[in-house]
Structures are given as C-alpha cells and as structure tokens.
Amino acid sequence: MGPLRTGQAEHVEASGPALGLLELQSIARGVTVADALVKRAAVQLHVNRPVSPGKHLVLCSGEVGDVEEAMLAGRAQAGSSLCDELLLTQVHDEVLDVLRRKNKLSLSEDVSIGILETLSAASTLRGADAACKAAEVRIFELRLCDGLGGKGFAILFGEQDMVEAGLATVQQLLSPGLLFSVELIARPHPDLLQSL
C-alpha cells in the first residue's frame, strides 16, 4: 500500500530531488496553500487532500530552488493553521521509491525490522529519510496520517546493526513532541513477516 491509505493502493509519483510537505489543521486553508505553491514556482503537486483527523496534506516535488520558493509561498498562505512542515532538499532515493511503489515488497527471515511511529506526516518522512541516509536500510512501508488519527509510521529493514543505527538517528533527530515510538525486531517470525 502507498503512503496514504484510502482503501486501495495509492502511490505518489514524486521525482525529487527536493520534496516539500505542508501539514495543516484546516482543510479549506490547505486547498488555498496548494494553489499558492503551484502559482509561485514550477513544482509538481502530488498530494492535495484531507487526511484524518481533519488535517490537510500538501506534497510537492521539483528542483531545490523551486521547492524552496513554493514552500515560502505555502507557509505564508498557511498562517496559523500550519501544524508541521518538511523541506528535504536532497531526498534519499529509498524515500522516493517507497512513495512511488505500487506493490509491497516481500521480506526474508534474515532481516531485522525497525518501526518508526510519529505524530505527523512530515516527521515520518523526515525520520525515514534520515534513517536511510545514516545507515544501509530500506523502507518496507510508509504511511502518512490516513486512518491513523494523524500519526505516521515507517517500517525499515536490513541488517540488525544498520536498522539500529537508522533508528538511533531518528531518535536524535526528532523531538519528543513528534516522535511517538521506535521498535526493533531482530529476527521477526515468518508469520509476522507474512502479516505485514
């Protein structure tokens, strides 16, 4: 499943090299923010829709300067309804791959998995990107807000020491107000892997 679950698989054709995300408390303001982004700079708008619990996500990608300029316009339009934001100027390929992925990967029993749970979509993307840059891990799944009460989560996998390093980086990067939990499963049972 893609990052925004709506009952069916959804994927986001983000190409980078930069990603910009604005997370708003107001759906109505979110629509005007999306308009401000695309009017200001040559960015691709990938997500512009409400997510639970009544928040609105706007996600764009493009060249670094264009995304930076679009985010300035978006922030100005968002005003006090902005609850979180993210600007990744050199997003890791693994993050782009999981956003575009249409089908789930299969996991072998010899991997370790790490679960990152956050309180916002922006912090989930920020954490997943940082983990992939800090260690040789891949992203099995990434979910942003929908059906999660505004939370987000990512499941990372790889060698145990790499997963531990990735999760440690996330814990150092994200503030306690945004990071809800991290968990490591060193040798997941085959039944668990099948259920993911």
N, C-alpha and C. Protein backbone atom coordinates (compact mmCIF):
# COMPACT_ATOMS: atom_id res chain seq x y z
N MET A 1 0.84 -1.18 0.00
CA MET A 1 0.00 0.00 0.00
C MET A 1 0.88 1.24 0.00
N GLY A 2 0.37 2.27 -0.58
CA GLY A 2 1.11 3.52 -0.65
C GLY A 2 1.08 4.28 0.66
N PRO A 3 1.61 5.48 0.67
CA PRO A 3 1.75 6.23 1.90
C PRO A 3 0.45 6.81 2.45
N LEU A 4 -0.57 6.88 1.61
CA LEU A 4 -1.86 7.44 2.03
C LEU A 4 -2.93 6.41 1.74
N ARG A 5 -3.33 5.68 2.73
CA ARG A 5 -4.25 4.57 2.52
C ARG A 5 -5.68 5.09 2.43
N THR A 6 -6.35 4.77 1.34
CA THR A 6 -7.73 5.18 1.13
C THR A 6 -8.60 3.97 0.80
N GLY A 7 -8.19 2.80 1.22
CA GLY A 7 -8.93 1.59 0.92
C GLY A 7 -8.35 0.84 -0.26
N GLN A 8 -7.47 1.46 -1.00
CA GLN A 8 -6.80 0.80 -2.10
C GLN A 8 -5.38 1.35 -2.21
N ALA A 9 -4.55 0.64 -2.93
CA ALA A 9 -3.17 1.09 -3.05
C ALA A 9 -3.10 2.46 -3.71
N GLU A 10 -2.26 3.30 -3.19
CA GLU A 10 -2.07 4.64 -3.75
C GLU A 10 -0.58 4.91 -3.79
N HIS A 11 -0.13 5.51 -4.85
CA HIS A 11 1.28 5.84 -4.94
C HIS A 11 1.42 7.29 -5.38
N VAL A 12 2.58 7.85 -5.09
CA VAL A 12 2.86 9.25 -5.36
C VAL A 12 4.05 9.31 -6.30
N GLU A 13 3.87 9.86 -7.48
CA GLU A 13 4.94 9.92 -8.48
C GLU A 13 5.88 11.10 -8.24
N ALA A 14 6.44 11.18 -7.04
CA ALA A 14 7.38 12.24 -6.72
C ALA A 14 8.75 11.91 -7.31
N SER A 15 9.38 12.91 -7.93
CA SER A 15 10.65 12.65 -8.59
C SER A 15 11.84 13.35 -7.94
N GLY A 16 11.62 14.30 -7.07
CA GLY A 16 12.74 14.97 -6.44
C GLY A 16 13.43 15.93 -7.40
N PRO A 17 14.63 16.40 -7.11
CA PRO A 17 15.46 16.00 -5.98
C PRO A 17 15.02 16.56 -4.64
N ALA A 18 14.02 17.45 -4.64
CA ALA A 18 13.55 18.02 -3.39
C ALA A 18 12.07 17.69 -3.20
N LEU A 19 11.70 17.50 -1.93
CA LEU A 19 10.31 17.30 -1.54
C LEU A 19 9.91 18.39 -0.57
N GLY A 20 8.69 18.88 -0.70
CA GLY A 20 8.15 19.82 0.26
C GLY A 20 6.80 19.34 0.72
N LEU A 21 6.56 19.36 2.03
CA LEU A 21 5.28 18.93 2.57
C LEU A 21 4.81 19.94 3.60
N LEU A 22 3.56 20.33 3.48
CA LEU A 22 2.92 21.18 4.48
C LEU A 22 1.72 20.43 5.04
N GLU A 23 1.63 20.41 6.36
CA GLU A 23 0.56 19.70 7.06
C GLU A 23 -0.24 20.75 7.81
N LEU A 24 -1.53 20.84 7.48
CA LEU A 24 -2.35 21.92 8.02
C LEU A 24 -3.50 21.39 8.86
N GLN A 25 -3.93 22.21 9.80
CA GLN A 25 -5.07 21.85 10.64
C GLN A 25 -6.39 22.16 9.95
N SER A 26 -6.37 22.94 8.89
CA SER A 26 -7.58 23.36 8.19
C SER A 26 -7.59 22.80 6.77
N ILE A 27 -8.66 22.10 6.43
CA ILE A 27 -8.80 21.56 5.07
C ILE A 27 -8.97 22.70 4.07
N ALA A 28 -9.84 23.65 4.40
CA ALA A 28 -10.08 24.77 3.49
C ALA A 28 -8.80 25.55 3.22
N ARG A 29 -8.04 25.84 4.27
CA ARG A 29 -6.79 26.57 4.10
C ARG A 29 -5.79 25.72 3.31
N GLY A 30 -5.82 24.40 3.50
CA GLY A 30 -4.92 23.52 2.77
C GLY A 30 -5.07 23.63 1.27
N VAL A 31 -6.30 23.77 0.80
CA VAL A 31 -6.54 23.91 -0.64
C VAL A 31 -5.94 25.21 -1.16
N THR A 32 -6.08 26.28 -0.40
CA THR A 32 -5.50 27.56 -0.84
C THR A 32 -3.98 27.53 -0.78
N VAL A 33 -3.43 26.78 0.16
CA VAL A 33 -1.97 26.62 0.26
C VAL A 33 -1.45 25.90 -0.99
N ALA A 34 -2.14 24.85 -1.41
CA ALA A 34 -1.71 24.11 -2.61
C ALA A 34 -1.71 25.04 -3.82
N ASP A 35 -2.71 25.87 -3.93
CA ASP A 35 -2.78 26.82 -5.04
C ASP A 35 -1.61 27.80 -4.99
N ALA A 36 -1.30 28.29 -3.80
CA ALA A 36 -0.17 29.23 -3.64
C ALA A 36 1.15 28.59 -4.03
N LEU A 37 1.33 27.31 -3.69
CA LEU A 37 2.58 26.60 -4.04
C LEU A 37 2.80 26.57 -5.54
N VAL A 38 1.79 26.10 -6.26
CA VAL A 38 1.98 25.90 -7.70
C VAL A 38 1.97 27.20 -8.48
N LYS A 39 1.37 28.24 -7.91
CA LYS A 39 1.42 29.55 -8.57
C LYS A 39 2.80 30.20 -8.42
N ARG A 40 3.50 29.90 -7.33
CA ARG A 40 4.77 30.56 -7.04
C ARG A 40 5.95 29.98 -7.81
N ALA A 41 5.96 28.65 -7.99
CA ALA A 41 7.16 28.04 -8.59
C ALA A 41 6.78 26.80 -9.40
N ALA A 42 7.70 26.38 -10.24
CA ALA A 42 7.47 25.22 -11.12
C ALA A 42 7.70 23.92 -10.35
N VAL A 43 6.73 23.57 -9.51
CA VAL A 43 6.79 22.32 -8.74
C VAL A 43 5.65 21.41 -9.20
N GLN A 44 5.83 20.12 -8.95
CA GLN A 44 4.76 19.16 -9.22
C GLN A 44 3.99 18.94 -7.94
N LEU A 45 2.69 19.08 -8.00
CA LEU A 45 1.81 18.86 -6.85
C LEU A 45 1.37 17.41 -6.88
N HIS A 46 1.72 16.65 -5.84
CA HIS A 46 1.44 15.22 -5.81
C HIS A 46 0.29 14.87 -4.88
N VAL A 47 0.19 15.57 -3.75
CA VAL A 47 -0.87 15.31 -2.78
C VAL A 47 -1.48 16.65 -2.41
N ASN A 48 -2.78 16.71 -2.46
CA ASN A 48 -3.53 17.89 -2.05
C ASN A 48 -4.89 17.39 -1.58
N ARG A 49 -4.92 16.90 -0.33
CA ARG A 49 -6.18 16.34 0.14
C ARG A 49 -6.23 16.21 1.64
N PRO A 50 -7.46 16.08 2.14
CA PRO A 50 -7.63 15.89 3.59
C PRO A 50 -7.17 14.50 4.02
N VAL A 51 -6.70 14.41 5.26
CA VAL A 51 -6.37 13.15 5.89
C VAL A 51 -6.91 13.20 7.32
N SER A 52 -7.04 12.05 7.93
CA SER A 52 -7.55 12.03 9.30
C SER A 52 -6.50 12.60 10.25
N PRO A 53 -6.88 13.25 11.32
CA PRO A 53 -8.23 13.57 11.77
C PRO A 53 -8.63 15.00 11.38
N GLY A 54 -9.01 15.21 10.15
CA GLY A 54 -9.42 16.53 9.69
C GLY A 54 -8.26 17.45 9.37
N LYS A 55 -7.10 16.88 9.04
CA LYS A 55 -5.97 17.70 8.61
C LYS A 55 -5.91 17.69 7.08
N HIS A 56 -5.00 18.47 6.53
CA HIS A 56 -4.83 18.54 5.08
C HIS A 56 -3.34 18.45 4.78
N LEU A 57 -2.98 17.60 3.81
CA LEU A 57 -1.59 17.46 3.39
C LEU A 57 -1.40 18.03 1.99
N VAL A 58 -0.30 18.74 1.81
CA VAL A 58 0.11 19.24 0.51
C VAL A 58 1.55 18.80 0.31
N LEU A 59 1.79 18.00 -0.73
CA LEU A 59 3.13 17.47 -1.01
C LEU A 59 3.51 17.82 -2.44
N CYS A 60 4.70 18.40 -2.60
CA CYS A 60 5.18 18.75 -3.93
C CYS A 60 6.63 18.32 -4.07
N SER A 61 7.09 18.24 -5.32
CA SER A 61 8.49 17.94 -5.58
C SER A 61 8.97 18.77 -6.76
N GLY A 62 10.28 18.82 -6.91
CA GLY A 62 10.88 19.55 -8.02
C GLY A 62 12.32 19.88 -7.73
N GLU A 63 12.84 20.81 -8.47
CA GLU A 63 14.21 21.28 -8.25
C GLU A 63 14.27 22.01 -6.90
N VAL A 64 15.43 21.99 -6.28
CA VAL A 64 15.58 22.52 -4.93
C VAL A 64 15.09 23.96 -4.82
N GLY A 65 15.58 24.83 -5.69
CA GLY A 65 15.19 26.24 -5.62
C GLY A 65 13.70 26.45 -5.81
N ASP A 66 13.09 25.67 -6.70
CA ASP A 66 11.65 25.79 -6.94
C ASP A 66 10.85 25.35 -5.72
N VAL A 67 11.25 24.24 -5.11
CA VAL A 67 10.52 23.75 -3.93
C VAL A 67 10.70 24.73 -2.77
N GLU A 68 11.90 25.26 -2.60
CA GLU A 68 12.12 26.25 -1.53
C GLU A 68 11.22 27.47 -1.74
N GLU A 69 11.14 27.94 -2.96
CA GLU A 69 10.30 29.11 -3.26
C GLU A 69 8.82 28.79 -3.04
N ALA A 70 8.39 27.63 -3.49
CA ALA A 70 6.99 27.23 -3.31
C ALA A 70 6.64 27.10 -1.83
N MET A 71 7.57 26.56 -1.04
CA MET A 71 7.32 26.40 0.39
C MET A 71 7.19 27.75 1.09
N LEU A 72 7.94 28.75 0.65
CA LEU A 72 7.79 30.10 1.21
C LEU A 72 6.37 30.61 1.00
N ALA A 73 5.87 30.44 -0.21
CA ALA A 73 4.51 30.89 -0.51
C ALA A 73 3.49 30.08 0.28
N GLY A 74 3.71 28.78 0.40
CA GLY A 74 2.79 27.92 1.14
C GLY A 74 2.74 28.27 2.61
N ARG A 75 3.91 28.49 3.21
CA ARG A 75 3.96 28.87 4.63
C ARG A 75 3.23 30.19 4.87
N ALA A 76 3.45 31.15 4.00
CA ALA A 76 2.80 32.45 4.15
C ALA A 76 1.28 32.31 4.06
N GLN A 77 0.80 31.49 3.14
CA GLN A 77 -0.64 31.28 2.99
C GLN A 77 -1.21 30.48 4.15
N ALA A 78 -0.43 29.55 4.70
CA ALA A 78 -0.91 28.66 5.77
C ALA A 78 -1.19 29.42 7.06
N GLY A 79 -0.35 30.38 7.37
CA GLY A 79 -0.54 31.14 8.61
C GLY A 79 -0.56 30.24 9.83
N SER A 80 -1.51 30.49 10.72
CA SER A 80 -1.57 29.76 11.99
C SER A 80 -2.13 28.35 11.84
N SER A 81 -2.61 27.96 10.66
CA SER A 81 -3.12 26.59 10.52
C SER A 81 -2.03 25.57 10.18
N LEU A 82 -0.79 26.03 10.03
CA LEU A 82 0.31 25.11 9.77
C LEU A 82 0.65 24.35 11.04
N CYS A 83 0.60 23.00 10.98
CA CYS A 83 0.96 22.22 12.18
C CYS A 83 2.30 21.52 12.04
N ASP A 84 2.76 21.25 10.82
CA ASP A 84 4.10 20.70 10.62
C ASP A 84 4.48 20.91 9.16
N GLU A 85 5.78 20.88 8.91
CA GLU A 85 6.27 21.08 7.54
C GLU A 85 7.57 20.33 7.35
N LEU A 86 7.91 20.14 6.09
CA LEU A 86 9.14 19.43 5.76
C LEU A 86 9.66 19.94 4.43
N LEU A 87 10.95 20.21 4.40
CA LEU A 87 11.65 20.51 3.15
C LEU A 87 12.88 19.62 3.11
N LEU A 88 12.87 18.65 2.21
CA LEU A 88 14.02 17.77 2.00
C LEU A 88 14.66 18.18 0.69
N THR A 89 15.84 18.77 0.76
CA THR A 89 16.46 19.29 -0.46
C THR A 89 17.14 18.20 -1.29
N GLN A 90 17.62 17.16 -0.68
CA GLN A 90 18.23 16.04 -1.40
C GLN A 90 17.65 14.75 -0.83
N VAL A 91 16.40 14.50 -1.15
CA VAL A 91 15.69 13.35 -0.59
C VAL A 91 16.36 12.05 -1.02
N HIS A 92 16.43 11.09 -0.10
CA HIS A 92 17.05 9.80 -0.37
C HIS A 92 16.20 9.03 -1.38
N ASP A 93 16.87 8.32 -2.30
CA ASP A 93 16.16 7.55 -3.33
C ASP A 93 15.18 6.55 -2.74
N GLU A 94 15.49 5.99 -1.59
CA GLU A 94 14.61 5.00 -0.97
C GLU A 94 13.26 5.62 -0.60
N VAL A 95 13.27 6.87 -0.17
CA VAL A 95 12.01 7.57 0.16
C VAL A 95 11.19 7.77 -1.11
N LEU A 96 11.84 8.21 -2.17
CA LEU A 96 11.12 8.38 -3.43
C LEU A 96 10.58 7.04 -3.93
N ASP A 97 11.37 5.97 -3.78
CA ASP A 97 10.94 4.64 -4.22
C ASP A 97 9.69 4.18 -3.47
N VAL A 98 9.67 4.36 -2.15
CA VAL A 98 8.51 3.89 -1.39
C VAL A 98 7.28 4.74 -1.69
N LEU A 99 7.46 6.02 -1.97
CA LEU A 99 6.32 6.85 -2.34
C LEU A 99 5.72 6.41 -3.67
N ARG A 100 6.57 5.96 -4.59
CA ARG A 100 6.10 5.56 -5.92
C ARG A 100 5.64 4.10 -5.98
N ARG A 101 6.02 3.32 -4.99
CA ARG A 101 5.79 1.88 -5.03
C ARG A 101 4.30 1.54 -5.10
N LYS A 102 3.95 0.65 -6.03
CA LYS A 102 2.56 0.22 -6.19
C LYS A 102 2.29 -1.09 -5.47
N ASN A 103 3.32 -1.92 -5.31
CA ASN A 103 3.16 -3.23 -4.68
C ASN A 103 4.11 -3.37 -3.51
N LYS A 104 3.68 -4.15 -2.52
CA LYS A 104 4.52 -4.39 -1.36
C LYS A 104 5.72 -5.25 -1.72
N LEU A 105 6.80 -5.03 -1.00
CA LEU A 105 7.98 -5.89 -1.10
C LEU A 105 7.72 -7.14 -0.27
N SER A 106 8.51 -8.17 -0.49
CA SER A 106 8.47 -9.33 0.40
C SER A 106 9.76 -9.31 1.24
N LEU A 107 9.62 -9.70 2.49
CA LEU A 107 10.76 -9.68 3.40
C LEU A 107 11.22 -11.10 3.69
N SER A 108 12.53 -11.30 3.74
CA SER A 108 13.07 -12.60 4.10
C SER A 108 13.29 -12.66 5.61
N GLU A 109 13.42 -13.87 6.13
CA GLU A 109 13.55 -14.08 7.57
C GLU A 109 14.88 -13.60 8.13
N ASP A 110 15.85 -13.36 7.28
CA ASP A 110 17.17 -12.99 7.79
C ASP A 110 17.34 -11.49 8.01
N VAL A 111 16.27 -10.70 7.84
CA VAL A 111 16.37 -9.26 8.06
C VAL A 111 15.89 -8.91 9.46
N SER A 112 16.29 -7.75 9.91
CA SER A 112 15.71 -7.15 11.11
C SER A 112 14.80 -6.03 10.65
N ILE A 113 13.80 -5.73 11.46
CA ILE A 113 12.92 -4.63 11.10
C ILE A 113 12.87 -3.60 12.23
N GLY A 114 12.70 -2.35 11.83
CA GLY A 114 12.56 -1.26 12.77
C GLY A 114 11.28 -0.51 12.45
N ILE A 115 10.54 -0.17 13.46
CA ILE A 115 9.28 0.55 13.27
C ILE A 115 9.44 1.94 13.88
N LEU A 116 9.14 2.93 13.08
CA LEU A 116 9.21 4.34 13.48
C LEU A 116 7.78 4.87 13.47
N GLU A 117 7.30 5.36 14.61
CA GLU A 117 5.94 5.90 14.72
C GLU A 117 6.03 7.36 15.17
N THR A 118 5.39 8.24 14.41
CA THR A 118 5.46 9.67 14.71
C THR A 118 4.06 10.27 14.82
N LEU A 119 4.03 11.52 15.19
CA LEU A 119 2.76 12.22 15.36
C LEU A 119 2.42 13.15 14.20
N SER A 120 3.16 13.05 13.09
CA SER A 120 2.84 13.86 11.91
C SER A 120 3.40 13.21 10.66
N ALA A 121 2.84 13.55 9.52
CA ALA A 121 3.32 13.05 8.24
C ALA A 121 4.72 13.57 7.95
N ALA A 122 4.94 14.84 8.23
CA ALA A 122 6.25 15.44 7.95
C ALA A 122 7.35 14.77 8.75
N SER A 123 7.10 14.47 10.02
CA SER A 123 8.13 13.84 10.84
C SER A 123 8.39 12.40 10.41
N THR A 124 7.38 11.72 9.88
CA THR A 124 7.60 10.37 9.36
C THR A 124 8.53 10.40 8.16
N LEU A 125 8.27 11.29 7.22
CA LEU A 125 9.16 11.43 6.06
C LEU A 125 10.56 11.85 6.47
N ARG A 126 10.64 12.81 7.39
CA ARG A 126 11.95 13.30 7.86
C ARG A 126 12.73 12.16 8.50
N GLY A 127 12.08 11.37 9.35
CA GLY A 127 12.74 10.27 10.03
C GLY A 127 13.17 9.17 9.08
N ALA A 128 12.30 8.80 8.15
CA ALA A 128 12.63 7.74 7.18
C ALA A 128 13.81 8.16 6.31
N ASP A 129 13.81 9.41 5.86
CA ASP A 129 14.90 9.92 5.04
C ASP A 129 16.21 9.91 5.82
N ALA A 130 16.19 10.36 7.07
CA ALA A 130 17.40 10.41 7.89
C ALA A 130 17.94 9.00 8.16
N ALA A 131 17.04 8.05 8.42
CA ALA A 131 17.48 6.67 8.69
C ALA A 131 18.17 6.08 7.46
N CYS A 132 17.62 6.34 6.29
CA CYS A 132 18.21 5.80 5.05
C CYS A 132 19.54 6.46 4.72
N LYS A 133 19.70 7.72 5.09
CA LYS A 133 20.96 8.42 4.85
C LYS A 133 22.04 8.00 5.85
N ALA A 134 21.61 7.61 7.06
CA ALA A 134 22.58 7.27 8.11
C ALA A 134 23.03 5.82 8.06
N ALA A 135 22.20 4.94 7.49
CA ALA A 135 22.52 3.51 7.53
C ALA A 135 21.99 2.82 6.28
N GLU A 136 22.51 1.64 6.01
CA GLU A 136 22.06 0.87 4.86
C GLU A 136 20.78 0.12 5.21
N VAL A 137 19.66 0.86 5.16
CA VAL A 137 18.34 0.28 5.42
C VAL A 137 17.44 0.61 4.24
N ARG A 138 16.40 -0.19 4.11
CA ARG A 138 15.38 0.07 3.10
C ARG A 138 14.06 0.30 3.81
N ILE A 139 13.11 0.87 3.11
CA ILE A 139 11.79 1.13 3.68
C ILE A 139 10.81 0.11 3.12
N PHE A 140 10.22 -0.67 4.02
CA PHE A 140 9.23 -1.66 3.63
C PHE A 140 7.87 -1.01 3.43
N GLU A 141 7.50 -0.14 4.37
CA GLU A 141 6.20 0.52 4.29
C GLU A 141 6.31 1.92 4.87
N LEU A 142 5.49 2.82 4.34
CA LEU A 142 5.43 4.20 4.81
C LEU A 142 3.98 4.63 4.77
N ARG A 143 3.47 5.08 5.92
CA ARG A 143 2.08 5.54 5.98
C ARG A 143 2.05 6.94 6.58
N LEU A 144 1.25 7.80 5.97
CA LEU A 144 1.16 9.20 6.39
C LEU A 144 -0.27 9.55 6.75
N CYS A 145 -0.60 9.53 8.00
CA CYS A 145 -1.83 10.06 8.58
C CYS A 145 -3.12 9.28 8.33
N ASP A 146 -3.44 8.97 7.10
CA ASP A 146 -4.77 8.44 6.82
C ASP A 146 -5.07 7.16 7.57
N GLY A 147 -6.20 7.18 8.29
CA GLY A 147 -6.62 6.03 9.06
C GLY A 147 -5.80 5.82 10.32
N LEU A 148 -4.97 6.77 10.67
CA LEU A 148 -4.06 6.61 11.81
C LEU A 148 -4.23 7.72 12.85
N GLY A 149 -5.31 8.46 12.77
CA GLY A 149 -5.52 9.53 13.74
C GLY A 149 -4.47 10.62 13.67
N GLY A 150 -3.92 10.85 12.50
CA GLY A 150 -2.91 11.89 12.32
C GLY A 150 -1.48 11.41 12.49
N LYS A 151 -1.29 10.17 12.92
CA LYS A 151 0.06 9.64 13.08
C LYS A 151 0.62 9.19 11.73
N GLY A 152 1.89 8.89 11.72
CA GLY A 152 2.54 8.29 10.57
C GLY A 152 3.47 7.21 11.06
N PHE A 153 3.80 6.26 10.19
CA PHE A 153 4.79 5.27 10.58
C PHE A 153 5.55 4.77 9.36
N ALA A 154 6.73 4.24 9.63
CA ALA A 154 7.56 3.62 8.61
C ALA A 154 8.14 2.34 9.18
N ILE A 155 8.21 1.33 8.33
CA ILE A 155 8.87 0.08 8.69
C ILE A 155 10.14 -0.02 7.86
N LEU A 156 11.27 -0.06 8.54
CA LEU A 156 12.58 -0.15 7.90
C LEU A 156 13.07 -1.59 8.00
N PHE A 157 13.94 -2.00 7.09
CA PHE A 157 14.52 -3.34 7.21
C PHE A 157 15.95 -3.36 6.70
N GLY A 158 16.69 -4.35 7.19
CA GLY A 158 18.08 -4.53 6.81
C GLY A 158 18.80 -5.35 7.85
N GLU A 159 20.14 -5.30 7.83
CA GLU A 159 20.94 -5.96 8.86
C GLU A 159 20.66 -5.30 10.21
N GLN A 160 20.72 -6.08 11.30
CA GLN A 160 20.34 -5.56 12.60
C GLN A 160 21.12 -4.31 13.00
N ASP A 161 22.43 -4.30 12.80
CA ASP A 161 23.21 -3.13 13.20
C ASP A 161 22.84 -1.90 12.39
N MET A 162 22.47 -2.10 11.13
CA MET A 162 22.07 -0.98 10.28
C MET A 162 20.71 -0.43 10.71
N VAL A 163 19.78 -1.32 11.02
CA VAL A 163 18.46 -0.88 11.49
C VAL A 163 18.60 -0.14 12.82
N GLU A 164 19.44 -0.66 13.72
CA GLU A 164 19.68 0.02 14.99
C GLU A 164 20.25 1.41 14.76
N ALA A 165 21.21 1.53 13.85
CA ALA A 165 21.81 2.83 13.55
C ALA A 165 20.79 3.79 12.96
N GLY A 166 19.95 3.30 12.07
CA GLY A 166 18.90 4.14 11.49
C GLY A 166 17.93 4.64 12.53
N LEU A 167 17.49 3.76 13.42
CA LEU A 167 16.55 4.16 14.47
C LEU A 167 17.20 5.13 15.46
N ALA A 168 18.48 4.93 15.77
CA ALA A 168 19.19 5.85 16.67
C ALA A 168 19.25 7.25 16.07
N THR A 169 19.47 7.31 14.77
CA THR A 169 19.49 8.61 14.09
C THR A 169 18.14 9.30 14.20
N VAL A 170 17.08 8.54 14.00
CA VAL A 170 15.72 9.10 14.10
C VAL A 170 15.47 9.63 15.51
N GLN A 171 15.89 8.89 16.52
CA GLN A 171 15.68 9.32 17.90
C GLN A 171 16.43 10.61 18.22
N GLN A 172 17.61 10.79 17.62
CA GLN A 172 18.37 12.02 17.83
C GLN A 172 17.77 13.19 17.07
N LEU A 173 17.18 12.91 15.91
CA LEU A 173 16.69 13.96 15.02
C LEU A 173 15.33 14.52 15.44
N LEU A 174 14.41 13.63 15.75
CA LEU A 174 13.03 14.07 16.00
C LEU A 174 12.82 14.41 17.47
N SER A 175 12.10 15.49 17.70
CA SER A 175 11.83 15.91 19.06
C SER A 175 10.78 14.99 19.70
N PRO A 176 10.78 14.89 21.03
CA PRO A 176 9.80 14.03 21.70
C PRO A 176 8.35 14.40 21.37
N GLY A 177 8.10 15.64 21.02
CA GLY A 177 6.75 16.05 20.65
C GLY A 177 6.29 15.50 19.31
N LEU A 178 7.21 15.00 18.49
CA LEU A 178 6.86 14.43 17.19
C LEU A 178 7.14 12.93 17.10
N LEU A 179 8.13 12.46 17.83
CA LEU A 179 8.45 11.03 17.82
C LEU A 179 7.63 10.33 18.88
N PHE A 180 6.82 9.36 18.46
CA PHE A 180 5.98 8.63 19.40
C PHE A 180 6.68 7.37 19.90
N SER A 181 7.26 6.59 18.98
CA SER A 181 7.86 5.34 19.38
C SER A 181 8.79 4.81 18.30
N VAL A 182 9.81 4.07 18.71
CA VAL A 182 10.63 3.27 17.79
C VAL A 182 10.73 1.88 18.40
N GLU A 183 10.71 0.87 17.55
CA GLU A 183 10.81 -0.52 17.99
C GLU A 183 11.72 -1.27 17.02
N LEU A 184 12.45 -2.24 17.56
CA LEU A 184 13.34 -3.09 16.77
C LEU A 184 12.95 -4.55 16.99
N ILE A 185 12.82 -5.29 15.91
CA ILE A 185 12.61 -6.74 15.98
C ILE A 185 13.80 -7.37 15.24
N ALA A 186 14.66 -8.02 16.03
CA ALA A 186 15.91 -8.53 15.47
C ALA A 186 15.70 -9.69 14.51
N ARG A 187 14.89 -10.65 14.87
CA ARG A 187 14.64 -11.80 14.00
C ARG A 187 13.14 -12.02 13.94
N PRO A 188 12.43 -11.31 13.10
CA PRO A 188 10.97 -11.44 13.07
C PRO A 188 10.54 -12.85 12.67
N HIS A 189 9.49 -13.31 13.30
CA HIS A 189 8.92 -14.62 12.99
C HIS A 189 8.32 -14.57 11.57
N PRO A 190 8.43 -15.67 10.82
CA PRO A 190 7.87 -15.70 9.46
C PRO A 190 6.38 -15.32 9.41
N ASP A 191 5.62 -15.73 10.44
CA ASP A 191 4.18 -15.38 10.46
C ASP A 191 3.99 -13.87 10.57
N LEU A 192 4.86 -13.21 11.35
CA LEU A 192 4.77 -11.75 11.45
C LEU A 192 5.09 -11.11 10.12
N LEU A 193 6.15 -11.56 9.47
CA LEU A 193 6.51 -11.00 8.17
C LEU A 193 5.40 -11.17 7.16
N GLN A 194 4.74 -12.31 7.20
CA GLN A 194 3.63 -12.56 6.27
C GLN A 194 2.46 -11.62 6.53
N SER A 195 2.28 -11.22 7.79
CA SER A 195 1.12 -10.39 8.16
C SER A 195 1.33 -8.92 7.88
N LEU A 196 2.56 -8.52 7.65
CA LEU A 196 2.83 -7.08 7.43
C LEU A 196 2.34 -6.63 6.05
